[in-house]
């Protein structure tokens, strides 16, 4: 009579041929120490623009450069428009030169004014000051930033949840 061989892995004392030997010792890396829990009076950051802040700052400076370039071009148009051979070789009437130079200057200054206006309303950071029960709001300027502190009681109609903001009116 034939004797049956046990299936691989059916008995605990017999290891299958394809089994991987156990690792020598598993070493768990040490985790860095966790920072201490913030005190209830420490300011807490609620929002930070991050890389968006650099983009806004870059566009703000670009708008100032464009405004300066537009003013130089507007002055050139006011003094010399029409004297080039492509323009006719004769100085254009004063009204035409003023119109063209005013249009170019308005476009350049409009870009700079628009970025200034955007900077007044775009928020760079919002901090919660629990000791004073106030919010510190930081906005952009051409150079530096502007900080305004607002009482939490003055803000109404909004609910804040972790990672979410539901506006309802201010």
Protein backbone atom coordinates (compact mmCIF):
# COMPACT_ATOMS: atom_id res chain seq x y z
CA UNK A 1 0.00 0.00 0.00
CA UNK A 2 1.22 3.50 -0.86
CA UNK A 3 1.78 5.88 1.93
CA UNK A 4 0.35 9.37 1.45
CA UNK A 5 2.70 12.27 1.83
CA UNK A 6 1.42 15.28 3.74
CA UNK A 7 0.59 18.40 1.73
CA UNK A 8 3.05 21.24 1.90
CA UNK A 9 2.25 23.49 4.79
CA UNK A 10 -0.41 21.22 6.25
CA UNK A 11 1.64 20.36 9.31
CA UNK A 12 3.18 23.07 11.43
CA UNK A 13 6.47 21.27 11.95
CA UNK A 14 7.14 20.89 8.22
CA UNK A 15 7.93 24.06 6.30
CA UNK A 16 7.13 24.15 2.57
CA UNK A 17 10.06 24.26 0.17
CA UNK A 18 9.12 27.70 -1.18
CA UNK A 19 8.92 29.31 2.26
CA UNK A 20 10.96 32.43 2.84
CA UNK A 21 13.19 32.34 5.90
CA UNK A 22 12.10 34.78 8.61
CA UNK A 23 13.92 38.12 8.71
CA UNK A 24 16.70 38.35 11.26
CA UNK A 25 15.31 41.18 13.33
CA UNK A 26 12.81 43.83 12.38
CA UNK A 27 14.04 47.19 13.60
CA UNK A 28 11.40 49.88 13.88
CA UNK A 29 12.76 53.36 13.26
CA UNK A 30 12.39 55.79 16.11
CA UNK A 31 9.84 58.49 15.48
CA UNK A 32 10.85 62.07 16.14
CA UNK A 33 9.38 63.50 19.30
CA UNK A 34 5.98 65.08 18.83
CA UNK A 35 5.79 68.83 19.45
CA UNK A 36 4.14 69.89 22.63
CA UNK A 37 0.46 70.67 22.41
CA UNK A 38 -0.07 74.40 21.89
CA UNK A 39 -1.17 76.37 24.86
CA UNK A 40 -4.63 77.82 24.64
CA UNK A 41 -3.20 81.35 24.50
CA UNK A 42 -0.78 80.70 21.57
CA UNK A 43 -1.77 82.21 18.20
CA UNK A 44 -3.00 79.59 15.74
CA UNK A 45 -2.73 79.99 11.99
CA UNK A 46 -6.06 79.36 10.25
CA UNK A 47 -5.03 80.14 6.66
CA UNK A 48 -1.77 80.75 4.81
CA UNK A 49 -1.61 81.43 1.07
CA UNK A 50 1.67 79.53 0.62
CA UNK A 51 2.96 79.59 -2.96
CA UNK A 52 0.05 81.76 -4.03
CA UNK A 53 1.64 84.59 -2.03
CA UNK A 54 4.73 84.47 -4.24
CA UNK A 55 2.60 84.54 -7.39
CA UNK A 56 0.65 87.58 -6.21
CA UNK A 57 3.84 89.36 -5.16
CA UNK A 58 5.43 88.61 -8.58
CA UNK A 59 2.38 89.93 -10.46
CA UNK A 60 2.32 93.02 -8.25
CA UNK A 61 5.92 93.88 -9.09
CA UNK A 62 5.30 93.04 -12.75
CA UNK A 63 2.38 95.47 -12.77
CA UNK A 64 4.62 98.24 -11.43
CA UNK A 65 7.21 97.51 -14.13
CA UNK A 66 4.47 97.53 -16.80
CA UNK A 67 3.13 100.84 -15.47
CA UNK A 68 6.59 102.39 -15.66
CA UNK A 69 7.11 101.05 -19.18
CA UNK A 70 3.71 102.29 -20.27
CA UNK A 71 4.46 105.76 -18.96
CA UNK A 72 7.74 105.88 -20.92
CA UNK A 73 5.97 104.66 -24.06
CA UNK A 74 3.17 107.19 -23.54
CA UNK A 75 5.67 110.02 -23.27
CA UNK A 76 7.40 108.83 -26.44
CA UNK A 77 4.06 108.69 -28.28
CA UNK A 78 3.12 112.17 -27.08
CA UNK A 79 6.37 113.67 -28.34
CA UNK A 80 7.07 111.72 -31.54
CA UNK A 81 3.92 109.98 -32.84
CA UNK A 82 3.75 110.40 -36.59
CA UNK A 83 7.40 111.28 -37.23
CA UNK A 84 8.50 107.77 -38.17
CA UNK A 85 8.35 106.89 -41.87
CA UNK A 86 5.81 104.14 -41.17
CA UNK A 87 3.52 106.69 -39.49
CA UNK A 88 3.68 109.15 -42.36
CA UNK A 89 6.85 111.09 -41.53
CA UNK A 90 4.92 114.11 -40.22
CA UNK A 91 4.15 114.83 -36.57
CA UNK A 92 0.53 113.83 -35.89
CA UNK A 93 -1.95 116.42 -34.59
CA UNK A 94 -1.81 117.07 -30.85
CA UNK A 95 -5.24 115.55 -30.19
CA UNK A 96 -4.22 112.25 -31.84
CA UNK A 97 -0.95 112.12 -29.90
CA UNK A 98 -2.73 112.83 -26.61
CA UNK A 99 -5.32 110.13 -27.35
CA UNK A 100 -2.73 107.46 -28.14
CA UNK A 101 -0.43 108.33 -25.26
CA UNK A 102 -3.38 108.53 -22.87
CA UNK A 103 -4.58 105.09 -23.97
CA UNK A 104 -1.16 103.50 -23.41
CA UNK A 105 -0.68 105.23 -20.04
CA UNK A 106 -4.18 104.21 -18.92
CA UNK A 107 -3.55 100.55 -19.76
CA UNK A 108 -0.30 100.47 -17.78
CA UNK A 109 -1.65 102.37 -14.80
CA UNK A 110 -4.86 100.33 -14.89
CA UNK A 111 -2.89 97.09 -14.51
CA UNK A 112 -0.97 98.52 -11.53
CA UNK A 113 -4.16 99.91 -9.95
CA UNK A 114 -5.92 96.57 -10.43
CA UNK A 115 -3.12 94.71 -8.67
CA UNK A 116 -3.15 97.26 -5.84
CA UNK A 117 -6.90 96.79 -5.47
CA UNK A 118 -6.53 93.00 -5.56
CA UNK A 119 -3.86 93.23 -2.87
CA UNK A 120 -6.21 95.17 -0.62
CA UNK A 121 -8.73 92.31 -0.62
CA UNK A 122 -6.61 89.18 -1.12
CA UNK A 123 -5.78 87.55 2.19
CA UNK A 124 -2.28 86.25 2.76
CA UNK A 125 -2.68 84.92 6.32
CA UNK A 126 -5.34 84.60 8.99
CA UNK A 127 -4.31 84.04 12.60
CA UNK A 128 -6.55 83.22 15.57
CA UNK A 129 -5.52 84.97 18.78
CA UNK A 130 -7.38 83.04 21.50
CA UNK A 131 -6.10 85.17 24.40
CA UNK A 132 -7.67 88.28 22.86
CA UNK A 133 -10.52 86.44 21.07
CA UNK A 134 -9.56 88.21 17.84
CA UNK A 135 -8.52 87.42 14.25
CA UNK A 136 -5.37 88.88 12.70
CA UNK A 137 -5.77 89.29 8.93
CA UNK A 138 -2.71 89.97 6.74
CA UNK A 139 -3.17 91.35 3.20
CA UNK A 140 -0.73 92.29 0.40
CA UNK A 141 0.75 95.65 -0.46
CA UNK A 142 3.23 96.68 -3.16
CA UNK A 143 5.96 96.61 -0.54
CA UNK A 144 5.36 94.60 2.62
CA UNK A 145 1.94 93.73 3.92
CA UNK A 146 -0.90 95.19 5.97
CA UNK A 147 -2.12 93.63 9.21
CA UNK A 148 -5.57 94.24 10.63
CA UNK A 149 -7.01 92.79 13.82
CA UNK A 150 -10.74 92.12 14.04
CA UNK A 151 -12.90 91.13 17.02
CA UNK A 152 -14.38 87.67 16.61
CA UNK A 153 -17.75 89.08 17.75
CA UNK A 154 -17.79 91.37 14.68
CA UNK A 155 -17.84 88.41 12.30
CA UNK A 156 -21.33 86.99 11.92
CA UNK A 157 -23.07 84.46 9.72
CA UNK A 158 -20.20 82.05 9.14
CA UNK A 159 -19.47 78.63 10.51
CA UNK A 160 -15.97 77.28 10.60
CA UNK A 161 -15.25 73.59 10.62
CA UNK A 162 -11.95 71.83 10.36
CA UNK A 163 -10.64 72.16 6.76
CA UNK A 164 -13.88 73.80 5.61
CA UNK A 165 -15.40 77.27 5.67
CA UNK A 166 -19.08 77.90 4.98
CA UNK A 167 -19.77 81.59 4.30
CA UNK A 168 -23.09 83.01 5.26
CA UNK A 169 -22.38 86.72 5.33
CA UNK A 170 -20.28 89.22 7.21
